[in-house]
Amino acid sequence: MVRLPLRYYDPYLDSAPSAELVRAACPSWPLINKGLANEVFHLLAARKERGLASLRQARYLRDRGHPRPWSVRFEDVSTELHRLKEGQRLC
């Protein structure tokens, strides 16, 4: 593995990330340090605060052909999946 230039001034943030993001369905290969992993955690927390679908749900909707899977609210996922299954047009 090639050591890239430091991205953070704090050595803790520039150290190798832990494997906690695997549970959150995030690919771990682009996370090269704890600073980037912390930023991803903050983005996931912001999605949760806004009530948006989880990463797994959004990817599932995307794979099923939803036009805007990343903007679907958490409580509307099952309704959107049902509409996709019936072939109804989605906004």
PDB file of N, CA and C in Angstrom:
ATOM      1  N   MET A   1       0.843  -1.185   0.000  1.00  0.00           N
ATOM      2  CA  MET A   1       0.000   0.000   0.000  1.00  0.00           C
ATOM      3  C   MET A   1       0.880   1.238   0.000  1.00  0.00           C
ATOM      4  N   VAL A   2       0.562   2.164  -0.820  1.00  0.00           N
ATOM      5  CA  VAL A   2       1.337   3.387  -0.951  1.00  0.00           C
ATOM      6  C   VAL A   2       0.817   4.408   0.049  1.00  0.00           C
ATOM      7  N   ARG A   3       1.717   5.036   0.751  1.00  0.00           N
ATOM      8  CA  ARG A   3       1.334   6.062   1.721  1.00  0.00           C
ATOM      9  C   ARG A   3       1.138   7.384   0.994  1.00  0.00           C
ATOM     10  N   LEU A   4      -0.066   7.917   1.055  1.00  0.00           N
ATOM     11  CA  LEU A   4      -0.378   9.178   0.412  1.00  0.00           C
ATOM     12  C   LEU A   4       0.026  10.336   1.316  1.00  0.00           C
ATOM     13  N   PRO A   5       0.093  11.545   0.780  1.00  0.00           N
ATOM     14  CA  PRO A   5       0.402  12.701   1.635  1.00  0.00           C
ATOM     15  C   PRO A   5      -0.646  12.871   2.725  1.00  0.00           C
ATOM     16  N   LEU A   6      -0.243  13.464   3.814  1.00  0.00           N
ATOM     17  CA  LEU A   6      -1.165  13.680   4.924  1.00  0.00           C
ATOM     18  C   LEU A   6      -2.299  14.599   4.501  1.00  0.00           C
ATOM     19  N   ARG A   7      -3.506  14.252   4.900  1.00  0.00           N
ATOM     20  CA  ARG A   7      -4.669  15.070   4.572  1.00  0.00           C
ATOM     21  C   ARG A   7      -5.121  15.898   5.771  1.00  0.00           C
ATOM     22  N   TYR A   8      -4.749  15.492   6.964  1.00  0.00           N
ATOM     23  CA  TYR A   8      -5.149  16.184   8.181  1.00  0.00           C
ATOM     24  C   TYR A   8      -3.903  16.501   8.996  1.00  0.00           C
ATOM     25  N   TYR A   9      -3.973  17.565   9.754  1.00  0.00           N
ATOM     26  CA  TYR A   9      -2.845  17.930  10.615  1.00  0.00           C
ATOM     27  C   TYR A   9      -2.809  17.096  11.883  1.00  0.00           C
ATOM     28  N   ASP A  10      -3.948  16.546  12.258  1.00  0.00           N
ATOM     29  CA  ASP A  10      -4.030  15.712  13.448  1.00  0.00           C
ATOM     30  C   ASP A  10      -3.621  14.284  13.076  1.00  0.00           C
ATOM     31  N   PRO A  11      -2.604  13.722  13.742  1.00  0.00           N
ATOM     32  CA  PRO A  11      -2.185  12.366  13.393  1.00  0.00           C
ATOM     33  C   PRO A  11      -3.271  11.316  13.650  1.00  0.00           C
ATOM     34  N   TYR A  12      -4.167  11.572  14.614  1.00  0.00           N
ATOM     35  CA  TYR A  12      -5.247  10.629  14.866  1.00  0.00           C
ATOM     36  C   TYR A  12      -6.179  10.538  13.657  1.00  0.00           C
ATOM     37  N   LEU A  13      -6.550  11.688  13.094  1.00  0.00           N
ATOM     38  CA  LEU A  13      -7.448  11.704  11.941  1.00  0.00           C
ATOM     39  C   LEU A  13      -6.790  11.143  10.689  1.00  0.00           C
ATOM     40  N   ASP A  14      -5.465  11.193  10.635  1.00  0.00           N
ATOM     41  CA  ASP A  14      -4.754  10.683   9.467  1.00  0.00           C
ATOM     42  C   ASP A  14      -4.395   9.208   9.611  1.00  0.00           C
ATOM     43  N   SER A  15      -4.714   8.594  10.747  1.00  0.00           N
ATOM     44  CA  SER A  15      -4.406   7.172  10.939  1.00  0.00           C
ATOM     45  C   SER A  15      -5.430   6.300  10.224  1.00  0.00           C
ATOM     46  N   ALA A  16      -5.158   5.019  10.146  1.00  0.00           N
ATOM     47  CA  ALA A  16      -6.023   4.078   9.420  1.00  0.00           C
ATOM     48  C   ALA A  16      -7.410   4.004  10.066  1.00  0.00           C
ATOM     49  N   PRO A  17      -8.457   3.894   9.250  1.00  0.00           N
ATOM     50  CA  PRO A  17      -9.818   3.840   9.803  1.00  0.00           C
ATOM     51  C   PRO A  17     -10.140   2.470  10.375  1.00  0.00           C
ATOM     52  N   SER A  18     -11.163   2.434  11.224  1.00  0.00           N
ATOM     53  CA  SER A  18     -11.638   1.161  11.765  1.00  0.00           C
ATOM     54  C   SER A  18     -12.665   0.571  10.807  1.00  0.00           C
ATOM     55  N   ALA A  19     -13.118  -0.616  11.088  1.00  0.00           N
ATOM     56  CA  ALA A  19     -14.041  -1.324  10.194  1.00  0.00           C
ATOM     57  C   ALA A  19     -15.500  -1.106  10.565  1.00  0.00           C
ATOM     58  N   GLU A  20     -15.845  -0.010  11.242  1.00  0.00           N
ATOM     59  CA  GLU A  20     -17.220   0.229  11.679  1.00  0.00           C
ATOM     60  C   GLU A  20     -18.165   0.561  10.529  1.00  0.00           C
ATOM     61  N   LEU A  21     -17.645   1.069   9.423  1.00  0.00           N
ATOM     62  CA  LEU A  21     -18.523   1.475   8.326  1.00  0.00           C
ATOM     63  C   LEU A  21     -19.043   0.305   7.512  1.00  0.00           C
ATOM     64  N   VAL A  22     -18.493  -0.861   7.687  1.00  0.00           N
ATOM     65  CA  VAL A  22     -18.980  -2.027   6.950  1.00  0.00           C
ATOM     66  C   VAL A  22     -20.418  -2.324   7.368  1.00  0.00           C
ATOM     67  N   ARG A  23     -20.730  -2.135   8.625  1.00  0.00           N
ATOM     68  CA  ARG A  23     -22.099  -2.357   9.105  1.00  0.00           C
ATOM     69  C   ARG A  23     -23.066  -1.345   8.507  1.00  0.00           C
ATOM     70  N   ALA A  24     -22.584  -0.183   8.141  1.00  0.00           N
ATOM     71  CA  ALA A  24     -23.440   0.855   7.590  1.00  0.00           C
ATOM     72  C   ALA A  24     -23.566   0.753   6.071  1.00  0.00           C
ATOM     73  N   ALA A  25     -23.061  -0.311   5.486  1.00  0.00           N
ATOM     74  CA  ALA A  25     -23.145  -0.579   4.041  1.00  0.00           C
ATOM     75  C   ALA A  25     -22.306   0.387   3.227  1.00  0.00           C
ATOM     76  N   CYS A  26     -21.245   0.905   3.804  1.00  0.00           N
ATOM     77  CA  CYS A  26     -20.341   1.789   3.073  1.00  0.00           C
ATOM     78  C   CYS A  26     -19.164   0.978   2.560  1.00  0.00           C
ATOM     79  N   PRO A  27     -18.758   1.207   1.326  1.00  0.00           N
ATOM     80  CA  PRO A  27     -17.538   0.546   0.872  1.00  0.00           C
ATOM     81  C   PRO A  27     -16.350   1.129   1.620  1.00  0.00           C
ATOM     82  N   SER A  28     -15.479   0.287   2.088  1.00  0.00           N
ATOM     83  CA  SER A  28     -14.375   0.773   2.914  1.00  0.00           C
ATOM     84  C   SER A  28     -13.131   1.124   2.111  1.00  0.00           C
ATOM     85  N   TRP A  29     -13.061   0.772   0.837  1.00  0.00           N
ATOM     86  CA  TRP A  29     -11.834   1.028   0.091  1.00  0.00           C
ATOM     87  C   TRP A  29     -11.513   2.506  -0.102  1.00  0.00           C
ATOM     88  N   PRO A  30     -12.480   3.445  -0.235  1.00  0.00           N
ATOM     89  CA  PRO A  30     -12.056   4.835  -0.408  1.00  0.00           C
ATOM     90  C   PRO A  30     -11.711   5.540   0.901  1.00  0.00           C
ATOM     91  N   LEU A  31     -11.986   4.897   2.021  1.00  0.00           N
ATOM     92  CA  LEU A  31     -11.730   5.530   3.316  1.00  0.00           C
ATOM     93  C   LEU A  31     -10.303   5.218   3.736  1.00  0.00           C
ATOM     94  N   ILE A  32      -9.422   6.165   3.505  1.00  0.00           N
ATOM     95  CA  ILE A  32      -8.008   5.894   3.747  1.00  0.00           C
ATOM     96  C   ILE A  32      -7.549   6.358   5.117  1.00  0.00           C
ATOM     97  N   ASN A  33      -8.379   7.121   5.836  1.00  0.00           N
ATOM     98  CA  ASN A  33      -7.988   7.550   7.176  1.00  0.00           C
ATOM     99  C   ASN A  33      -9.232   7.808   8.026  1.00  0.00           C
ATOM    100  N   LYS A  34      -9.013   8.028   9.306  1.00  0.00           N
ATOM    101  CA  LYS A  34     -10.131   8.230  10.234  1.00  0.00           C
ATOM    102  C   LYS A  34     -10.854   9.547   9.988  1.00  0.00           C
ATOM    103  N   GLY A  35     -10.164  10.529   9.437  1.00  0.00           N
ATOM    104  CA  GLY A  35     -10.805  11.801   9.125  1.00  0.00           C
ATOM    105  C   GLY A  35     -11.897  11.631   8.092  1.00  0.00           C
ATOM    106  N   LEU A  36     -11.617  10.882   7.029  1.00  0.00           N
ATOM    107  CA  LEU A  36     -12.628  10.627   6.013  1.00  0.00           C
ATOM    108  C   LEU A  36     -13.753   9.757   6.562  1.00  0.00           C
ATOM    109  N   ALA A  37     -13.412   8.794   7.394  1.00  0.00           N
ATOM    110  CA  ALA A  37     -14.442   7.955   8.001  1.00  0.00           C
ATOM    111  C   ALA A  37     -15.368   8.797   8.884  1.00  0.00           C
ATOM    112  N   ASN A  38     -14.806   9.751   9.624  1.00  0.00           N
ATOM    113  CA  ASN A  38     -15.635  10.634  10.448  1.00  0.00           C
ATOM    114  C   ASN A  38     -16.568  11.476   9.589  1.00  0.00           C
ATOM    115  N   GLU A  39     -16.084  11.944   8.439  1.00  0.00           N
ATOM    116  CA  GLU A  39     -16.937  12.730   7.555  1.00  0.00           C
ATOM    117  C   GLU A  39     -18.100  11.889   7.030  1.00  0.00           C
ATOM    118  N   VAL A  40     -17.829  10.627   6.715  1.00  0.00           N
ATOM    119  CA  VAL A  40     -18.898   9.743   6.250  1.00  0.00           C
ATOM    120  C   VAL A  40     -19.922   9.517   7.361  1.00  0.00           C
ATOM    121  N   PHE A  41     -19.458   9.315   8.592  1.00  0.00           N
ATOM    122  CA  PHE A  41     -20.384   9.163   9.710  1.00  0.00           C
ATOM    123  C   PHE A  41     -21.266  10.394   9.862  1.00  0.00           C
ATOM    124  N   HIS A  42     -20.699  11.583   9.683  1.00  0.00           N
ATOM    125  CA  HIS A  42     -21.492  12.806   9.797  1.00  0.00           C
ATOM    126  C   HIS A  42     -22.528  12.904   8.668  1.00  0.00           C
ATOM    127  N   LEU A  43     -22.151  12.492   7.472  1.00  0.00           N
ATOM    128  CA  LEU A  43     -23.121  12.495   6.369  1.00  0.00           C
ATOM    129  C   LEU A  43     -24.252  11.499   6.616  1.00  0.00           C
ATOM    130  N   LEU A  44     -23.911  10.334   7.156  1.00  0.00           N
ATOM    131  CA  LEU A  44     -24.947   9.345   7.482  1.00  0.00           C
ATOM    132  C   LEU A  44     -25.871   9.872   8.580  1.00  0.00           C
ATOM    133  N   ALA A  45     -25.304  10.553   9.557  1.00  0.00           N
ATOM    134  CA  ALA A  45     -26.115  11.128  10.637  1.00  0.00           C
ATOM    135  C   ALA A  45     -27.043  12.210  10.089  1.00  0.00           C
ATOM    136  N   ALA A  46     -26.561  13.003   9.132  1.00  0.00           N
ATOM    137  CA  ALA A  46     -27.399  14.040   8.540  1.00  0.00           C
ATOM    138  C   ALA A  46     -28.559  13.419   7.763  1.00  0.00           C
ATOM    139  N   ARG A  47     -28.313  12.315   7.051  1.00  0.00           N
ATOM    140  CA  ARG A  47     -29.396  11.616   6.347  1.00  0.00           C
ATOM    141  C   ARG A  47     -30.441  11.119   7.339  1.00  0.00           C
ATOM    142  N   LYS A  48     -29.970  10.589   8.456  1.00  0.00           N
ATOM    143  CA  LYS A  48     -30.893  10.062   9.462  1.00  0.00           C
ATOM    144  C   LYS A  48     -31.704  11.184  10.103  1.00  0.00           C
ATOM    145  N   GLU A  49     -31.071  12.311  10.387  1.00  0.00           N
ATOM    146  CA  GLU A  49     -31.782  13.446  10.978  1.00  0.00           C
ATOM    147  C   GLU A  49     -32.860  13.984  10.047  1.00  0.00           C
ATOM    148  N   ARG A  50     -32.607  13.954   8.753  1.00  0.00           N
ATOM    149  CA  ARG A  50     -33.590  14.440   7.779  1.00  0.00           C
ATOM    150  C   ARG A  50     -34.663  13.411   7.474  1.00  0.00           C
ATOM    151  N   GLY A  51     -34.500  12.206   7.982  1.00  0.00           N
ATOM    152  CA  GLY A  51     -35.502  11.180   7.770  1.00  0.00           C
ATOM    153  C   GLY A  51     -35.416  10.506   6.418  1.00  0.00           C
ATOM    154  N   LEU A  52     -34.246  10.535   5.794  1.00  0.00           N
ATOM    155  CA  LEU A  52     -34.079   9.921   4.480  1.00  0.00           C
ATOM    156  C   LEU A  52     -33.807   8.431   4.613  1.00  0.00           C
ATOM    157  N   ALA A  53     -33.999   7.713   3.515  1.00  0.00           N
ATOM    158  CA  ALA A  53     -33.784   6.269   3.496  1.00  0.00           C
ATOM    159  C   ALA A  53     -32.329   5.938   3.814  1.00  0.00           C
ATOM    160  N   SER A  54     -32.111   4.762   4.375  1.00  0.00           N
ATOM    161  CA  SER A  54     -30.752   4.329   4.663  1.00  0.00           C
ATOM    162  C   SER A  54     -30.016   4.048   3.358  1.00  0.00           C
ATOM    163  N   LEU A  55     -28.708   3.865   3.446  1.00  0.00           N
ATOM    164  CA  LEU A  55     -27.920   3.589   2.246  1.00  0.00           C
ATOM    165  C   LEU A  55     -28.389   2.326   1.550  1.00  0.00           C
ATOM    166  N   ARG A  56     -28.631   1.285   2.325  1.00  0.00           N
ATOM    167  CA  ARG A  56     -29.078   0.026   1.727  1.00  0.00           C
ATOM    168  C   ARG A  56     -30.418   0.190   1.027  1.00  0.00           C
ATOM    169  N   GLN A  57     -31.333   0.914   1.657  1.00  0.00           N
ATOM    170  CA  GLN A  57     -32.644   1.129   1.047  1.00  0.00           C
ATOM    171  C   GLN A  57     -32.526   1.963  -0.227  1.00  0.00           C
ATOM    172  N   ALA A  58     -31.702   3.004  -0.193  1.00  0.00           N
ATOM    173  CA  ALA A  58     -31.525   3.846  -1.378  1.00  0.00           C
ATOM    174  C   ALA A  58     -30.890   3.064  -2.520  1.00  0.00           C
ATOM    175  N   ARG A  59     -29.922   2.228  -2.214  1.00  0.00           N
ATOM    176  CA  ARG A  59     -29.308   1.403  -3.263  1.00  0.00           C
ATOM    177  C   ARG A  59     -30.308   0.392  -3.816  1.00  0.00           C
ATOM    178  N   TYR A  60     -31.131  -0.155  -2.951  1.00  0.00           N
ATOM    179  CA  TYR A  60     -32.149  -1.106  -3.391  1.00  0.00           C
ATOM    180  C   TYR A  60     -33.140  -0.420  -4.336  1.00  0.00           C
ATOM    181  N   LEU A  61     -33.574   0.789  -3.975  1.00  0.00           N
ATOM    182  CA  LEU A  61     -34.469   1.548  -4.842  1.00  0.00           C
ATOM    183  C   LEU A  61     -33.795   1.878  -6.170  1.00  0.00           C
ATOM    184  N   ARG A  62     -32.528   2.247  -6.120  1.00  0.00           N
ATOM    185  CA  ARG A  62     -31.788   2.544  -7.346  1.00  0.00           C
ATOM    186  C   ARG A  62     -31.715   1.324  -8.254  1.00  0.00           C
ATOM    187  N   ASP A  63     -31.441   0.166  -7.666  1.00  0.00           N
ATOM    188  CA  ASP A  63     -31.345  -1.058  -8.446  1.00  0.00           C
ATOM    189  C   ASP A  63     -32.691  -1.453  -9.058  1.00  0.00           C
ATOM    190  N   ARG A  64     -33.774  -1.051  -8.431  1.00  0.00           N
ATOM    191  CA  ARG A  64     -35.109  -1.358  -8.942  1.00  0.00           C
ATOM    192  C   ARG A  64     -35.599  -0.338  -9.958  1.00  0.00           C
ATOM    193  N   GLY A  65     -34.810   0.725 -10.202  1.00  0.00           N
ATOM    194  CA  GLY A  65     -35.145   1.690 -11.234  1.00  0.00           C
ATOM    195  C   GLY A  65     -35.806   2.963 -10.756  1.00  0.00           C
ATOM    196  N   HIS A  66     -35.710   3.283  -9.489  1.00  0.00           N
ATOM    197  CA  HIS A  66     -36.302   4.520  -8.977  1.00  0.00           C
ATOM    198  C   HIS A  66     -35.525   5.712  -9.541  1.00  0.00           C
ATOM    199  N   PRO A  67     -36.218   6.778  -9.986  1.00  0.00           N
ATOM    200  CA  PRO A  67     -35.519   7.911 -10.594  1.00  0.00           C
ATOM    201  C   PRO A  67     -34.680   8.738  -9.615  1.00  0.00           C
ATOM    202  N   ARG A  68     -35.117   8.852  -8.357  1.00  0.00           N
ATOM    203  CA  ARG A  68     -34.377   9.640  -7.359  1.00  0.00           C
ATOM    204  C   ARG A  68     -34.309   8.878  -6.035  1.00  0.00           C
ATOM    205  N   PRO A  69     -33.554   7.814  -5.951  1.00  0.00           N
ATOM    206  CA  PRO A  69     -33.579   6.988  -4.742  1.00  0.00           C
ATOM    207  C   PRO A  69     -32.980   7.662  -3.515  1.00  0.00           C
ATOM    208  N   TRP A  70     -32.091   8.613  -3.699  1.00  0.00           N
ATOM    209  CA  TRP A  70     -31.404   9.219  -2.554  1.00  0.00           C
ATOM    210  C   TRP A  70     -32.250  10.260  -1.852  1.00  0.00           C
ATOM    211  N   SER A  71     -33.393  10.638  -2.440  1.00  0.00           N
ATOM    212  CA  SER A  71     -34.246  11.643  -1.813  1.00  0.00           C
ATOM    213  C   SER A  71     -35.521  11.060  -1.215  1.00  0.00           C
ATOM    214  N   VAL A  72     -35.656   9.744  -1.194  1.00  0.00           N
ATOM    215  CA  VAL A  72     -36.851   9.096  -0.644  1.00  0.00           C
ATOM    216  C   VAL A  72     -36.754   9.084   0.884  1.00  0.00           C
ATOM    217  N   ARG A  73     -37.850   9.422   1.525  1.00  0.00           N
ATOM    218  CA  ARG A  73     -37.876   9.408   2.990  1.00  0.00           C
ATOM    219  C   ARG A  73     -37.938   7.975   3.499  1.00  0.00           C
ATOM    220  N   PHE A  74     -37.451   7.760   4.709  1.00  0.00           N
ATOM    221  CA  PHE A  74     -37.364   6.432   5.304  1.00  0.00           C
ATOM    222  C   PHE A  74     -38.724   5.752   5.367  1.00  0.00           C
ATOM    223  N   GLU A  75     -39.747   6.493   5.776  1.00  0.00           N
ATOM    224  CA  GLU A  75     -41.064   5.877   5.938  1.00  0.00           C
ATOM    225  C   GLU A  75     -41.774   5.649   4.604  1.00  0.00           C
ATOM    226  N   ASP A  76     -41.265   6.207   3.507  1.00  0.00           N
ATOM    227  CA  ASP A  76     -41.892   6.041   2.197  1.00  0.00           C
ATOM    228  C   ASP A  76     -41.248   4.946   1.343  1.00  0.00           C
ATOM    229  N   VAL A  77     -40.237   4.274   1.846  1.00  0.00           N
ATOM    230  CA  VAL A  77     -39.524   3.278   1.043  1.00  0.00           C
ATOM    231  C   VAL A  77     -40.444   2.139   0.627  1.00  0.00           C
ATOM    232  N   SER A  78     -41.212   1.589   1.550  1.00  0.00           N
ATOM    233  CA  SER A  78     -42.075   0.454   1.205  1.00  0.00           C
ATOM    234  C   SER A  78     -43.143   0.870   0.195  1.00  0.00           C
ATOM    235  N   THR A  79     -43.670   2.084   0.317  1.00  0.00           N
ATOM    236  CA  THR A  79     -44.661   2.579  -0.640  1.00  0.00           C
ATOM    237  C   THR A  79     -44.049   2.717  -2.027  1.00  0.00           C
ATOM    238  N   GLU A  80     -42.843   3.260  -2.094  1.00  0.00           N
ATOM    239  CA  GLU A  80     -42.169   3.427  -3.380  1.00  0.00           C
ATOM    240  C   GLU A  80     -41.843   2.074  -4.007  1.00  0.00           C
ATOM    241  N   LEU A  81     -41.422   1.117  -3.201  1.00  0.00           N
ATOM    242  CA  LEU A  81     -41.144  -0.219  -3.730  1.00  0.00           C
ATOM    243  C   LEU A  81     -42.418  -0.865  -4.268  1.00  0.00           C
ATOM    244  N   HIS A  82     -43.514  -0.669  -3.564  1.00  0.00           N
ATOM    245  CA  HIS A  82     -44.795  -1.216  -4.034  1.00  0.00           C
ATOM    246  C   HIS A  82     -45.201  -0.577  -5.366  1.00  0.00           C
ATOM    247  N   ARG A  83     -45.012   0.740  -5.480  1.00  0.00           N
ATOM    248  CA  ARG A  83     -45.330   1.433  -6.733  1.00  0.00           C
ATOM    249  C   ARG A  83     -44.432   0.955  -7.869  1.00  0.00           C
ATOM    250  N   LEU A  84     -43.152   0.717  -7.580  1.00  0.00           N
ATOM    251  CA  LEU A  84     -42.241   0.193  -8.607  1.00  0.00           C
ATOM    252  C   LEU A  84     -42.671  -1.194  -9.061  1.00  0.00           C
ATOM    253  N   LYS A  85     -43.096  -2.004  -8.097  1.00  0.00           N
ATOM    254  CA  LYS A  85     -43.504  -3.371  -8.426  1.00  0.00           C
ATOM    255  C   LYS A  85     -44.736  -3.365  -9.319  1.00  0.00           C
ATOM    256  N   GLU A  86     -45.669  -2.455  -9.072  1.00  0.00           N
ATOM    257  CA  GLU A  86     -46.894  -2.385  -9.870  1.00  0.00           C
ATOM    258  C   GLU A  86     -46.683  -1.668 -11.192  1.00  0.00           C
ATOM    259  N   GLY A  87     -45.531  -1.064 -11.374  1.00  0.00           N
ATOM    260  CA  GLY A  87     -45.242  -0.376 -12.630  1.00  0.00           C
ATOM    261  C   GLY A  87     -45.823   1.017 -12.730  1.00  0.00           C
ATOM    262  N   GLN A  88     -46.208   1.598 -11.599  1.00  0.00           N
ATOM    263  CA  GLN A  88     -46.749   2.952 -11.613  1.00  0.00           C
ATOM    264  C   GLN A  88     -45.618   3.961 -11.845  1.00  0.00           C
ATOM    265  N   ARG A  89     -45.985   5.071 -12.436  1.00  0.00           N
ATOM    266  CA  ARG A  89     -44.986   6.118 -12.686  1.00  0.00           C
ATOM    267  C   ARG A  89     -44.624   6.800 -11.390  1.00  0.00           C
ATOM    268  N   LEU A  90     -43.319   7.016 -11.202  1.00  0.00           N
ATOM    269  CA  LEU A  90     -42.830   7.692 -10.009  1.00  0.00           C
ATOM    270  C   LEU A  90     -42.413   9.103 -10.375  1.00  0.00           C
ATOM    271  N   CYS A  91     -42.624  10.033  -9.457  1.00  0.00           N
ATOM    272  CA  CYS A  91     -42.257  11.432  -9.709  1.00  0.00           C
ATOM    273  C   CYS A  91     -40.783  11.642  -9.568  1.00  0.00           C
TER     274      CYS A  91
END
